[in-house]
Amino acid sequence: MPLTPATRTLASQIVYQIFPERFAIGGGLAGEAKLADPAYDVPGAGRRAWTDSPVHKPYGQQFYGGDLDGIREHLDDLAELGVTAVYLTPIFTAPSNHKYDATGFDAIDPMFGGEPALERLLEALHARGMKLILDTVLNHVSDRHPWFLAARDGDPRFRAFFTFPPTGGHDHWKGSAYMPELNLANEAVLDLLYRRPDSLVQRWLARGIDGWRFDVAQDVGLKVAEDLGAIIRARFPEAWLIGEVFGFGGSWVASGRGYHGTMNYYFGTALLAWLNGELGAVQMNRAVMDAREGCGLPGLLNSWTILSSHDTPRLASTLGGPARVRLALLAQATLPGVPMLYYGEEVGMTGGPDPDNRRPMPWDPALWDRDLRAWVKRLLAIRQGSPALRYGDIRVLGDRLPGNALVFLRFTEQPGEAALVVLNDADEPLRTRLLLPYSHGYDGVPLRDALGGAGDLQVQAGSVLLDVAPHSGAIFEPFEPFDHYRYFKARNRR
């Protein structure tokens, strides 16, 4: 079945994740001046210099002063890199730096500049043709949220918004009593979250944001996800709905009724484990096949291919050396799904588990890995120039090869729109003949490595002879070598 235009549009994005508190301070303010704002007068607040380590308790109360105007002032840097969509972790009012403990959904936190700053950011993004994805939690709120305060005081309407077991206390997320879980079986709660036109989800879409990333999506449940998807698609057909699923995304996207995609931690887990030697090539190639089969093509294409996030260690601190970092980024740019870059990965930021992975962005270019940034920019440009890499289907081929390689073919229904991707993480060159089960891989078609590292190939009766160096990769794309002959004739197009 042909892909819809909406699927192709979403699949053609490049997402850049920002933790707003740590990206940049706008308006020319220094950290000390910004942190003097009364917005930071919250219990236990620690005010930190931009270069300080974030590893101080309580972790959620350490503030550096990043805001939405700071993001807006660096949009040209992101556009130059190739980014087309910005995803922000929560920006609604909350006492923490991460804002996953919302005290309200009607206002942008004054730490970030309030609603005027969001309007300025939206205008600047849309002027550049870029999207804005916001983050929210449908599963829980802060114990300082007015709903929970009313429930705790005995208001029967709001008490039904939460679960208070007979044994005492209240249900809350993973042992965090300050984040009480909402009762999503309560129709009134769903009305306020996403069903009504003035609900949380619909209100901000109507204000101009382009989509949502839903935190702890598995806790929300499949039924709610599908109800949400149906309602939002009817009013906002172009809105992007992404669920955070720390695992295999199949059931969450395969039906096409719930989220458009997930944060594809499954790919991220597989890639990092493979490049760290914890998985062999058989499981790595099989993981890609499983995702294609379990998610369906639209669900996989509209998911975010991630290697790191605010919840995981940074890439440079996870993999053993720059060669494997480059291979991981190559895989991210070429596997089906939307590449999602966590801020600073393009310049080689390091950091262990949360909160060390949430260090402030260094804006001194002398601290950047410029070669890595150039590599990321090049990969994204290659991806955006290839219909096959943006929204093509996939056929995994590395499962039939010796050695330690991930190999796959991306292709659309149109002849000539294809890319053969080879990632060789072995200590030896990958030199072997590869059968190419692709109907438009005509005999004699030449293939050129878009990265320039490997020599040209030529299709020979449905096969190619690979020669890829150790710990390197290639993106082989077909090209027309003759002036008066075309391999990919218009009469073969659909």
Foldseek 3Di string as FASTA:
>chain_A
DDDDPLLLVLLLFAEEEDLQQFEFAPDPDAQVVLCVPCLLPAPPAARDHQQDFCPDPPSFRYGRQGALNGVLVCVVVVVLLPHAEYEYQAQADDNGSRCQAHQDLPWGRVSRPIPVSVVVNLVSSVVVNHAYEYEHELFWHFCNHPLNVCLVVPDVVSVLQFAADPVGQTDAPPPPSRTGTTDLVDVVSLCQDAQPCCHSQNVVVVVPHQEYEYEPQVSNPQVSQLVRQQRCCVPPVNHAYEYADCEQCQVNAQVVRGGQEYQPNLLLVLLLCLQQVNDFQLVNLVSLVCNCVRRPQRHQSSYEDENDEQAFWAPLQRGDDDLSLLLSLLCNLQRRYHYYHYPPNQFPDGAGGPPRRSRRHDPPSVSGNVVSSVSSSLSSVVQSVASQRSRFDKDWFSNPADAGKTWMKGAHQAQQRIKIKIFAQGQAWRWDKGFAPDPNLDFQFKWDFSVNPDHIWGDHPRITTDTGGHSHMTIIGTDDDDDPDDSRDPVSGD
